[in-house]
Amino acid sequence: MYDGRKGSSSPFEQTVYLLSEAGRAVDRLLAEQLEDRGLTPAHQALLSTLATLGPHGRRDLVERLAMPGADAHRVLDDLLSRGLLQSTVVHIGGRQELLAITDPGRATLDLLHADASAAQDGLLASLTRGQRVELNSLLRRVCAAAARGVGRPGGATIGGSRAPAAGNGSA
């Protein structure tokens, strides 16, 4: 039975479910915006990675991404054909292809960030500036806890200690 949290009798309105639902909705919205520009989330991930980390070897870049190699190569080739990335062959310890973001690639990434800001403004229009700042701060804390494994069975806990397992004789 649901534990009677304030404001709802539905267990699916617990914060964890609302975060998940909001995340999926935002992912869909951002994917639609990317599609309007002829891009995918994979295009943005590759541009962002190269903008953040600088030039990378193709093999190393593909290994860093959480997508199948064939898909990553297809997206990289598309970005190269659009002039958003530049490829240079270097001969250091063997032949390697070095990829770097171009000025048009950075401009595209800037447009994508502007699109995301516009989406954020629309989604958060009912919140005051202070509420937006507080929400951002709280979400950063939640994301940091999730990255540490807090909340998973066997994962870390906020205070660094675990509650005793049920039935182990601890009081």
N, C-alpha and C. Protein backbone atom coordinates (compact mmCIF):
# COMPACT_ATOMS: atom_id res chain seq x y z
N MET A 1 0.85 -1.19 0.00
CA MET A 1 0.00 0.00 0.00
C MET A 1 0.89 1.24 0.00
N TYR A 2 0.41 2.27 -0.66
CA TYR A 2 1.15 3.53 -0.73
C TYR A 2 1.23 4.16 0.65
N ASP A 3 2.31 4.84 0.94
CA ASP A 3 2.56 5.33 2.29
C ASP A 3 1.90 6.68 2.60
N GLY A 4 1.07 7.18 1.71
CA GLY A 4 0.31 8.39 2.00
C GLY A 4 1.10 9.68 1.95
N ARG A 5 2.04 9.78 1.03
CA ARG A 5 2.81 11.02 0.89
C ARG A 5 1.84 12.17 0.59
N LYS A 6 2.20 13.35 1.04
CA LYS A 6 1.32 14.52 0.88
C LYS A 6 1.02 14.80 -0.59
N GLY A 7 -0.22 15.16 -0.86
CA GLY A 7 -0.59 15.66 -2.18
C GLY A 7 -1.07 14.63 -3.17
N SER A 8 -0.88 13.35 -2.91
CA SER A 8 -1.29 12.36 -3.88
C SER A 8 -1.45 11.00 -3.22
N SER A 9 -2.36 10.22 -3.77
CA SER A 9 -2.52 8.86 -3.30
C SER A 9 -1.84 7.88 -4.24
N SER A 10 -1.21 8.40 -5.30
CA SER A 10 -0.58 7.54 -6.28
C SER A 10 0.91 7.37 -6.00
N PRO A 11 1.38 6.13 -5.94
CA PRO A 11 2.83 5.94 -5.74
C PRO A 11 3.64 6.44 -6.94
N PHE A 12 3.00 6.59 -8.10
CA PHE A 12 3.72 7.06 -9.29
C PHE A 12 3.94 8.57 -9.28
N GLU A 13 3.51 9.22 -8.22
CA GLU A 13 3.80 10.64 -8.07
C GLU A 13 4.91 10.88 -7.05
N GLN A 14 5.60 9.82 -6.68
CA GLN A 14 6.79 9.98 -5.85
C GLN A 14 7.83 10.72 -6.68
N THR A 15 8.69 11.45 -6.02
CA THR A 15 9.69 12.27 -6.71
C THR A 15 10.52 11.48 -7.70
N VAL A 16 10.92 10.26 -7.35
CA VAL A 16 11.77 9.49 -8.24
C VAL A 16 11.06 9.19 -9.57
N TYR A 17 9.77 8.91 -9.53
CA TYR A 17 9.02 8.67 -10.77
C TYR A 17 8.82 9.95 -11.55
N LEU A 18 8.57 11.05 -10.85
CA LEU A 18 8.40 12.33 -11.53
C LEU A 18 9.70 12.76 -12.21
N LEU A 19 10.84 12.53 -11.55
CA LEU A 19 12.12 12.84 -12.17
C LEU A 19 12.31 12.03 -13.46
N SER A 20 11.97 10.77 -13.39
CA SER A 20 12.11 9.90 -14.56
C SER A 20 11.19 10.37 -15.69
N GLU A 21 9.95 10.67 -15.37
CA GLU A 21 9.00 11.13 -16.38
C GLU A 21 9.45 12.46 -16.99
N ALA A 22 9.90 13.37 -16.15
CA ALA A 22 10.38 14.67 -16.64
C ALA A 22 11.60 14.48 -17.53
N GLY A 23 12.51 13.61 -17.14
CA GLY A 23 13.70 13.35 -17.94
C GLY A 23 13.35 12.81 -19.32
N ARG A 24 12.43 11.87 -19.36
CA ARG A 24 12.01 11.32 -20.66
C ARG A 24 11.36 12.39 -21.53
N ALA A 25 10.53 13.23 -20.93
CA ALA A 25 9.86 14.29 -21.69
C ALA A 25 10.87 15.29 -22.24
N VAL A 26 11.84 15.66 -21.43
CA VAL A 26 12.87 16.60 -21.87
C VAL A 26 13.74 15.97 -22.95
N ASP A 27 14.08 14.70 -22.80
CA ASP A 27 14.85 14.01 -23.84
C ASP A 27 14.11 14.04 -25.17
N ARG A 28 12.80 13.78 -25.14
CA ARG A 28 12.00 13.82 -26.38
C ARG A 28 12.00 15.22 -26.98
N LEU A 29 11.81 16.23 -26.14
CA LEU A 29 11.78 17.62 -26.61
C LEU A 29 13.10 18.00 -27.25
N LEU A 30 14.20 17.70 -26.59
CA LEU A 30 15.52 18.04 -27.13
C LEU A 30 15.81 17.25 -28.40
N ALA A 31 15.39 15.99 -28.45
CA ALA A 31 15.59 15.18 -29.66
C ALA A 31 14.80 15.77 -30.84
N GLU A 32 13.60 16.27 -30.57
CA GLU A 32 12.80 16.91 -31.63
C GLU A 32 13.49 18.18 -32.13
N GLN A 33 14.04 18.96 -31.21
CA GLN A 33 14.76 20.17 -31.62
C GLN A 33 15.98 19.81 -32.47
N LEU A 34 16.70 18.79 -32.09
CA LEU A 34 17.84 18.33 -32.87
C LEU A 34 17.39 17.87 -34.25
N GLU A 35 16.31 17.11 -34.28
CA GLU A 35 15.79 16.61 -35.55
C GLU A 35 15.42 17.76 -36.49
N ASP A 36 14.87 18.84 -35.92
CA ASP A 36 14.53 20.02 -36.73
C ASP A 36 15.78 20.61 -37.39
N ARG A 37 16.94 20.36 -36.81
CA ARG A 37 18.21 20.84 -37.37
C ARG A 37 18.94 19.75 -38.14
N GLY A 38 18.26 18.60 -38.32
CA GLY A 38 18.86 17.50 -39.07
C GLY A 38 19.92 16.75 -38.30
N LEU A 39 19.83 16.80 -36.98
CA LEU A 39 20.82 16.16 -36.12
C LEU A 39 20.14 15.19 -35.15
N THR A 40 20.95 14.42 -34.46
CA THR A 40 20.46 13.49 -33.43
C THR A 40 21.21 13.76 -32.13
N PRO A 41 20.73 13.16 -31.03
CA PRO A 41 21.49 13.29 -29.78
C PRO A 41 22.93 12.78 -29.92
N ALA A 42 23.16 11.79 -30.77
CA ALA A 42 24.52 11.29 -30.98
C ALA A 42 25.40 12.36 -31.63
N HIS A 43 24.85 13.12 -32.58
CA HIS A 43 25.61 14.22 -33.20
C HIS A 43 26.03 15.22 -32.12
N GLN A 44 25.06 15.59 -31.27
CA GLN A 44 25.36 16.56 -30.23
C GLN A 44 26.39 16.01 -29.24
N ALA A 45 26.27 14.74 -28.88
CA ALA A 45 27.22 14.15 -27.94
C ALA A 45 28.64 14.19 -28.50
N LEU A 46 28.79 13.87 -29.77
CA LEU A 46 30.13 13.89 -30.38
C LEU A 46 30.68 15.30 -30.46
N LEU A 47 29.86 16.25 -30.88
CA LEU A 47 30.31 17.65 -30.94
C LEU A 47 30.70 18.14 -29.55
N SER A 48 29.87 17.84 -28.56
CA SER A 48 30.14 18.27 -27.19
C SER A 48 31.42 17.66 -26.65
N THR A 49 31.61 16.38 -26.92
CA THR A 49 32.81 15.69 -26.44
C THR A 49 34.07 16.33 -27.03
N LEU A 50 34.06 16.57 -28.34
CA LEU A 50 35.24 17.16 -28.96
C LEU A 50 35.44 18.62 -28.54
N ALA A 51 34.35 19.34 -28.32
CA ALA A 51 34.47 20.73 -27.87
C ALA A 51 35.04 20.78 -26.45
N THR A 52 34.69 19.81 -25.64
CA THR A 52 35.14 19.78 -24.25
C THR A 52 36.56 19.22 -24.11
N LEU A 53 36.82 18.10 -24.79
CA LEU A 53 38.10 17.40 -24.60
C LEU A 53 39.16 17.77 -25.61
N GLY A 54 38.78 18.43 -26.69
CA GLY A 54 39.74 18.77 -27.73
C GLY A 54 39.91 17.63 -28.71
N PRO A 55 40.82 17.78 -29.66
CA PRO A 55 41.02 16.77 -30.70
C PRO A 55 41.29 15.39 -30.11
N HIS A 56 40.74 14.38 -30.77
CA HIS A 56 40.88 13.00 -30.32
C HIS A 56 41.06 12.08 -31.53
N GLY A 57 41.77 10.98 -31.30
CA GLY A 57 41.83 9.95 -32.31
C GLY A 57 40.46 9.32 -32.48
N ARG A 58 40.13 8.95 -33.69
CA ARG A 58 38.81 8.37 -33.97
C ARG A 58 38.56 7.15 -33.09
N ARG A 59 39.52 6.24 -33.02
CA ARG A 59 39.32 5.02 -32.23
C ARG A 59 39.08 5.34 -30.76
N ASP A 60 39.87 6.25 -30.20
CA ASP A 60 39.72 6.63 -28.80
C ASP A 60 38.35 7.28 -28.57
N LEU A 61 37.93 8.12 -29.50
CA LEU A 61 36.64 8.81 -29.38
C LEU A 61 35.49 7.80 -29.40
N VAL A 62 35.54 6.86 -30.31
CA VAL A 62 34.49 5.84 -30.41
C VAL A 62 34.44 5.02 -29.13
N GLU A 63 35.59 4.71 -28.55
CA GLU A 63 35.62 3.94 -27.30
C GLU A 63 35.00 4.71 -26.14
N ARG A 64 35.10 6.04 -26.16
CA ARG A 64 34.55 6.88 -25.08
C ARG A 64 33.03 6.96 -25.11
N LEU A 65 32.45 6.71 -26.27
CA LEU A 65 31.01 6.91 -26.45
C LEU A 65 30.23 5.67 -26.06
N ALA A 66 29.07 5.88 -25.53
CA ALA A 66 28.21 4.77 -25.13
C ALA A 66 27.26 4.44 -26.29
N MET A 67 27.84 4.11 -27.44
CA MET A 67 27.02 3.71 -28.59
C MET A 67 27.82 2.70 -29.40
N PRO A 68 27.11 1.87 -30.16
CA PRO A 68 27.83 0.89 -30.98
C PRO A 68 28.81 1.58 -31.93
N GLY A 69 29.96 0.94 -32.15
CA GLY A 69 31.00 1.51 -32.99
C GLY A 69 30.53 1.90 -34.37
N ALA A 70 29.72 1.05 -35.02
CA ALA A 70 29.23 1.35 -36.37
C ALA A 70 28.39 2.62 -36.37
N ASP A 71 27.56 2.79 -35.34
CA ASP A 71 26.74 4.00 -35.23
C ASP A 71 27.61 5.23 -35.03
N ALA A 72 28.59 5.11 -34.16
CA ALA A 72 29.49 6.24 -33.89
C ALA A 72 30.24 6.63 -35.17
N HIS A 73 30.73 5.65 -35.90
CA HIS A 73 31.45 5.95 -37.15
C HIS A 73 30.53 6.62 -38.17
N ARG A 74 29.28 6.17 -38.23
CA ARG A 74 28.31 6.77 -39.16
C ARG A 74 28.06 8.24 -38.80
N VAL A 75 27.89 8.53 -37.52
CA VAL A 75 27.66 9.91 -37.07
C VAL A 75 28.91 10.76 -37.31
N LEU A 76 30.08 10.21 -37.00
CA LEU A 76 31.33 10.94 -37.25
C LEU A 76 31.48 11.28 -38.74
N ASP A 77 31.20 10.30 -39.60
CA ASP A 77 31.30 10.55 -41.04
C ASP A 77 30.31 11.62 -41.48
N ASP A 78 29.11 11.62 -40.90
CA ASP A 78 28.12 12.65 -41.22
C ASP A 78 28.61 14.03 -40.79
N LEU A 79 29.15 14.13 -39.58
CA LEU A 79 29.67 15.42 -39.10
C LEU A 79 30.84 15.89 -39.96
N LEU A 80 31.68 14.97 -40.40
CA LEU A 80 32.79 15.33 -41.29
C LEU A 80 32.26 15.83 -42.63
N SER A 81 31.26 15.16 -43.18
CA SER A 81 30.72 15.57 -44.49
C SER A 81 30.03 16.93 -44.42
N ARG A 82 29.53 17.30 -43.25
CA ARG A 82 28.88 18.60 -43.05
C ARG A 82 29.88 19.71 -42.75
N GLY A 83 31.14 19.33 -42.55
CA GLY A 83 32.16 20.31 -42.23
C GLY A 83 32.16 20.74 -40.78
N LEU A 84 31.49 19.97 -39.92
CA LEU A 84 31.43 20.31 -38.50
C LEU A 84 32.61 19.74 -37.72
N LEU A 85 33.27 18.76 -38.33
CA LEU A 85 34.50 18.19 -37.79
C LEU A 85 35.56 18.21 -38.88
N GLN A 86 36.80 18.17 -38.44
CA GLN A 86 37.94 18.11 -39.35
C GLN A 86 38.75 16.87 -39.00
N SER A 87 39.22 16.19 -40.03
CA SER A 87 40.02 14.98 -39.85
C SER A 87 41.43 15.23 -40.34
N THR A 88 42.40 14.82 -39.53
CA THR A 88 43.80 14.92 -39.90
C THR A 88 44.45 13.58 -39.63
N VAL A 89 45.22 13.08 -40.58
CA VAL A 89 45.94 11.83 -40.38
C VAL A 89 47.32 12.16 -39.83
N VAL A 90 47.65 11.49 -38.72
CA VAL A 90 48.95 11.69 -38.10
C VAL A 90 49.66 10.34 -38.03
N HIS A 91 50.97 10.39 -38.04
CA HIS A 91 51.77 9.16 -37.98
C HIS A 91 52.62 9.19 -36.71
N ILE A 92 51.96 8.90 -35.60
CA ILE A 92 52.64 8.82 -34.31
C ILE A 92 52.34 7.44 -33.76
N GLY A 93 53.35 6.59 -33.77
CA GLY A 93 53.13 5.21 -33.35
C GLY A 93 52.20 4.46 -34.28
N GLY A 94 52.22 4.80 -35.53
CA GLY A 94 51.31 4.20 -36.52
C GLY A 94 50.36 5.26 -37.04
N ARG A 95 49.61 4.90 -38.04
CA ARG A 95 48.66 5.83 -38.67
C ARG A 95 47.43 5.99 -37.78
N GLN A 96 47.09 7.24 -37.48
CA GLN A 96 45.91 7.54 -36.68
C GLN A 96 45.15 8.70 -37.31
N GLU A 97 43.83 8.64 -37.21
CA GLU A 97 43.00 9.74 -37.67
C GLU A 97 42.63 10.59 -36.45
N LEU A 98 42.98 11.86 -36.50
CA LEU A 98 42.70 12.80 -35.42
C LEU A 98 41.51 13.66 -35.83
N LEU A 99 40.49 13.72 -34.97
CA LEU A 99 39.28 14.50 -35.25
C LEU A 99 39.23 15.71 -34.34
N ALA A 100 38.80 16.84 -34.91
CA ALA A 100 38.66 18.08 -34.15
C ALA A 100 37.39 18.80 -34.61
N ILE A 101 36.79 19.53 -33.71
CA ILE A 101 35.61 20.32 -34.06
C ILE A 101 36.08 21.56 -34.83
N THR A 102 35.29 21.96 -35.83
CA THR A 102 35.61 23.14 -36.64
C THR A 102 34.83 24.33 -36.10
N ASP A 103 35.12 25.51 -36.65
CA ASP A 103 34.35 26.70 -36.26
C ASP A 103 32.86 26.53 -36.57
N PRO A 104 32.50 26.00 -37.76
CA PRO A 104 31.06 25.74 -37.99
C PRO A 104 30.49 24.71 -37.00
N GLY A 105 31.31 23.76 -36.56
CA GLY A 105 30.86 22.80 -35.55
C GLY A 105 30.59 23.48 -34.22
N ARG A 106 31.47 24.41 -33.84
CA ARG A 106 31.25 25.17 -32.59
C ARG A 106 30.01 26.05 -32.71
N ALA A 107 29.81 26.65 -33.88
CA ALA A 107 28.63 27.49 -34.10
C ALA A 107 27.35 26.65 -34.00
N THR A 108 27.41 25.44 -34.56
CA THR A 108 26.26 24.53 -34.46
C THR A 108 25.99 24.17 -33.02
N LEU A 109 27.04 23.86 -32.28
CA LEU A 109 26.89 23.52 -30.87
C LEU A 109 26.31 24.70 -30.09
N ASP A 110 26.73 25.91 -30.41
CA ASP A 110 26.16 27.11 -29.77
C ASP A 110 24.66 27.22 -30.05
N LEU A 111 24.26 26.92 -31.30
CA LEU A 111 22.82 26.93 -31.64
C LEU A 111 22.07 25.87 -30.83
N LEU A 112 22.66 24.71 -30.69
CA LEU A 112 22.01 23.64 -29.92
C LEU A 112 21.87 24.03 -28.46
N HIS A 113 22.87 24.71 -27.92
CA HIS A 113 22.78 25.18 -26.53
C HIS A 113 21.71 26.26 -26.40
N ALA A 114 21.58 27.12 -27.41
CA ALA A 114 20.53 28.14 -27.39
C ALA A 114 19.15 27.48 -27.47
N ASP A 115 19.03 26.44 -28.28
CA ASP A 115 17.76 25.70 -28.36
C ASP A 115 17.41 25.10 -27.00
N ALA A 116 18.41 24.52 -26.34
CA ALA A 116 18.18 23.91 -25.03
C ALA A 116 17.77 24.98 -24.01
N SER A 117 18.39 26.14 -24.08
CA SER A 117 18.03 27.23 -23.15
C SER A 117 16.60 27.69 -23.38
N ALA A 118 16.20 27.77 -24.65
CA ALA A 118 14.82 28.16 -24.96
C ALA A 118 13.83 27.12 -24.44
N ALA A 119 14.17 25.84 -24.60
CA ALA A 119 13.31 24.77 -24.08
C ALA A 119 13.22 24.86 -22.56
N GLN A 120 14.36 25.11 -21.92
CA GLN A 120 14.38 25.24 -20.47
C GLN A 120 13.51 26.41 -20.02
N ASP A 121 13.62 27.54 -20.70
CA ASP A 121 12.81 28.71 -20.35
C ASP A 121 11.32 28.41 -20.46
N GLY A 122 10.95 27.67 -21.51
CA GLY A 122 9.55 27.30 -21.68
C GLY A 122 9.07 26.36 -20.59
N LEU A 123 9.87 25.35 -20.29
CA LEU A 123 9.49 24.36 -19.28
C LEU A 123 9.42 24.95 -17.88
N LEU A 124 10.28 25.91 -17.61
CA LEU A 124 10.37 26.47 -16.25
C LEU A 124 9.70 27.84 -16.13
N ALA A 125 8.89 28.21 -17.11
CA ALA A 125 8.26 29.53 -17.12
C ALA A 125 7.44 29.82 -15.87
N SER A 126 6.85 28.80 -15.27
CA SER A 126 6.01 29.02 -14.09
C SER A 126 6.81 29.18 -12.80
N LEU A 127 8.12 29.02 -12.88
CA LEU A 127 8.96 29.16 -11.69
C LEU A 127 9.61 30.53 -11.64
N THR A 128 9.80 31.04 -10.43
CA THR A 128 10.53 32.29 -10.27
C THR A 128 12.02 32.03 -10.50
N ARG A 129 12.79 33.09 -10.65
CA ARG A 129 14.24 32.93 -10.83
C ARG A 129 14.85 32.18 -9.65
N GLY A 130 14.43 32.53 -8.44
CA GLY A 130 14.94 31.86 -7.25
C GLY A 130 14.59 30.38 -7.23
N GLN A 131 13.38 30.04 -7.66
CA GLN A 131 12.98 28.64 -7.71
C GLN A 131 13.80 27.88 -8.76
N ARG A 132 14.10 28.54 -9.86
CA ARG A 132 14.92 27.90 -10.90
C ARG A 132 16.32 27.61 -10.37
N VAL A 133 16.89 28.57 -9.65
CA VAL A 133 18.23 28.38 -9.07
C VAL A 133 18.19 27.24 -8.05
N GLU A 134 17.16 27.24 -7.21
CA GLU A 134 17.04 26.18 -6.20
C GLU A 134 16.84 24.81 -6.87
N LEU A 135 15.99 24.74 -7.89
CA LEU A 135 15.78 23.49 -8.61
C LEU A 135 17.08 22.98 -9.22
N ASN A 136 17.84 23.87 -9.84
CA ASN A 136 19.12 23.49 -10.43
C ASN A 136 20.05 22.92 -9.37
N SER A 137 20.13 23.59 -8.23
CA SER A 137 20.99 23.15 -7.14
C SER A 137 20.56 21.78 -6.63
N LEU A 138 19.27 21.60 -6.44
CA LEU A 138 18.76 20.32 -5.94
C LEU A 138 19.01 19.20 -6.95
N LEU A 139 18.78 19.48 -8.22
CA LEU A 139 19.00 18.46 -9.24
C LEU A 139 20.48 18.08 -9.34
N ARG A 140 21.38 19.06 -9.18
CA ARG A 140 22.81 18.75 -9.17
C ARG A 140 23.15 17.79 -8.03
N ARG A 141 22.56 18.02 -6.87
CA ARG A 141 22.80 17.14 -5.72
C ARG A 141 22.24 15.75 -5.98
N VAL A 142 21.04 15.68 -6.56
CA VAL A 142 20.45 14.38 -6.88
C VAL A 142 21.31 13.64 -7.90
N CYS A 143 21.76 14.34 -8.93
CA CYS A 143 22.61 13.72 -9.95
C CYS A 143 23.93 13.23 -9.36
N ALA A 144 24.51 14.01 -8.46
CA ALA A 144 25.76 13.60 -7.81
C ALA A 144 25.53 12.35 -6.96
N ALA A 145 24.42 12.30 -6.25
CA ALA A 145 24.11 11.13 -5.43
C ALA A 145 23.89 9.91 -6.32
N ALA A 146 23.19 10.09 -7.42
CA ALA A 146 22.94 8.98 -8.34
C ALA A 146 24.26 8.48 -8.94
N ALA A 147 25.16 9.39 -9.26
CA ALA A 147 26.46 9.00 -9.82
C ALA A 147 27.29 8.20 -8.82
N ARG A 148 27.09 8.47 -7.54
CA ARG A 148 27.81 7.73 -6.49
C ARG A 148 27.15 6.39 -6.19
N GLY A 149 25.96 6.15 -6.76
CA GLY A 149 25.27 4.89 -6.52
C GLY A 149 24.32 4.92 -5.35
N VAL A 150 24.08 6.11 -4.79
CA VAL A 150 23.15 6.23 -3.68
C VAL A 150 21.75 5.83 -4.17
N GLY A 151 21.08 5.01 -3.39
CA GLY A 151 19.73 4.60 -3.73
C GLY A 151 19.65 3.23 -4.40
N ARG A 152 20.78 2.71 -4.88
CA ARG A 152 20.79 1.38 -5.48
C ARG A 152 21.02 0.35 -4.39
N PRO A 153 20.42 -0.83 -4.55
CA PRO A 153 20.73 -1.89 -3.58
C PRO A 153 22.24 -2.13 -3.58
N GLY A 154 22.84 -2.08 -2.42
CA GLY A 154 24.29 -2.28 -2.31
C GLY A 154 25.08 -1.04 -2.64
N GLY A 155 24.40 0.06 -3.02
CA GLY A 155 25.10 1.30 -3.36
C GLY A 155 25.44 2.09 -2.11
N ALA A 156 26.12 3.18 -2.33
CA ALA A 156 26.52 4.05 -1.23
C ALA A 156 25.29 4.70 -0.60
N THR A 157 25.48 5.26 0.57
CA THR A 157 24.42 6.02 1.23
C THR A 157 24.90 7.44 1.44
N ILE A 158 23.99 8.33 1.69
CA ILE A 158 24.33 9.74 1.85
C ILE A 158 25.36 9.95 2.96
N GLY A 159 25.16 9.35 4.12
CA GLY A 159 26.08 9.56 5.24
C GLY A 159 27.29 8.65 5.23
N GLY A 160 27.38 7.79 4.23
CA GLY A 160 28.53 6.91 4.13
C GLY A 160 28.36 5.59 4.87
N SER A 161 27.26 5.45 5.67
CA SER A 161 27.02 4.18 6.35
C SER A 161 25.75 3.58 5.77
N ARG A 162 25.60 2.29 5.97
CA ARG A 162 24.44 1.59 5.45
C ARG A 162 23.53 1.22 6.62
N ALA A 163 22.25 1.17 6.31
CA ALA A 163 21.30 0.67 7.30
C ALA A 163 21.52 -0.82 7.43
N PRO A 164 21.32 -1.38 8.62
CA PRO A 164 21.49 -2.82 8.78
C PRO A 164 20.52 -3.56 7.88
N ALA A 165 20.96 -4.67 7.33
CA ALA A 165 20.09 -5.48 6.49
C ALA A 165 19.00 -6.10 7.34
N ALA A 166 17.81 -6.25 6.76
CA ALA A 166 16.68 -6.85 7.50
C ALA A 166 17.04 -8.26 7.90
N GLY A 167 16.70 -8.63 9.13
CA GLY A 167 16.88 -10.00 9.58
C GLY A 167 18.31 -10.36 9.98
N ASN A 168 19.18 -9.37 10.15
CA ASN A 168 20.56 -9.73 10.53
C ASN A 168 20.79 -9.66 12.03
N GLY A 169 19.71 -9.42 12.78
CA GLY A 169 19.84 -9.42 14.24
C GLY A 169 20.21 -8.05 14.80
N SER A 170 20.47 -7.05 13.99
CA SER A 170 20.81 -5.73 14.48
C SER A 170 19.56 -5.00 14.91
N ALA A 171 19.68 -4.19 15.92
CA ALA A 171 18.53 -3.43 16.39
C ALA A 171 18.41 -2.12 15.68
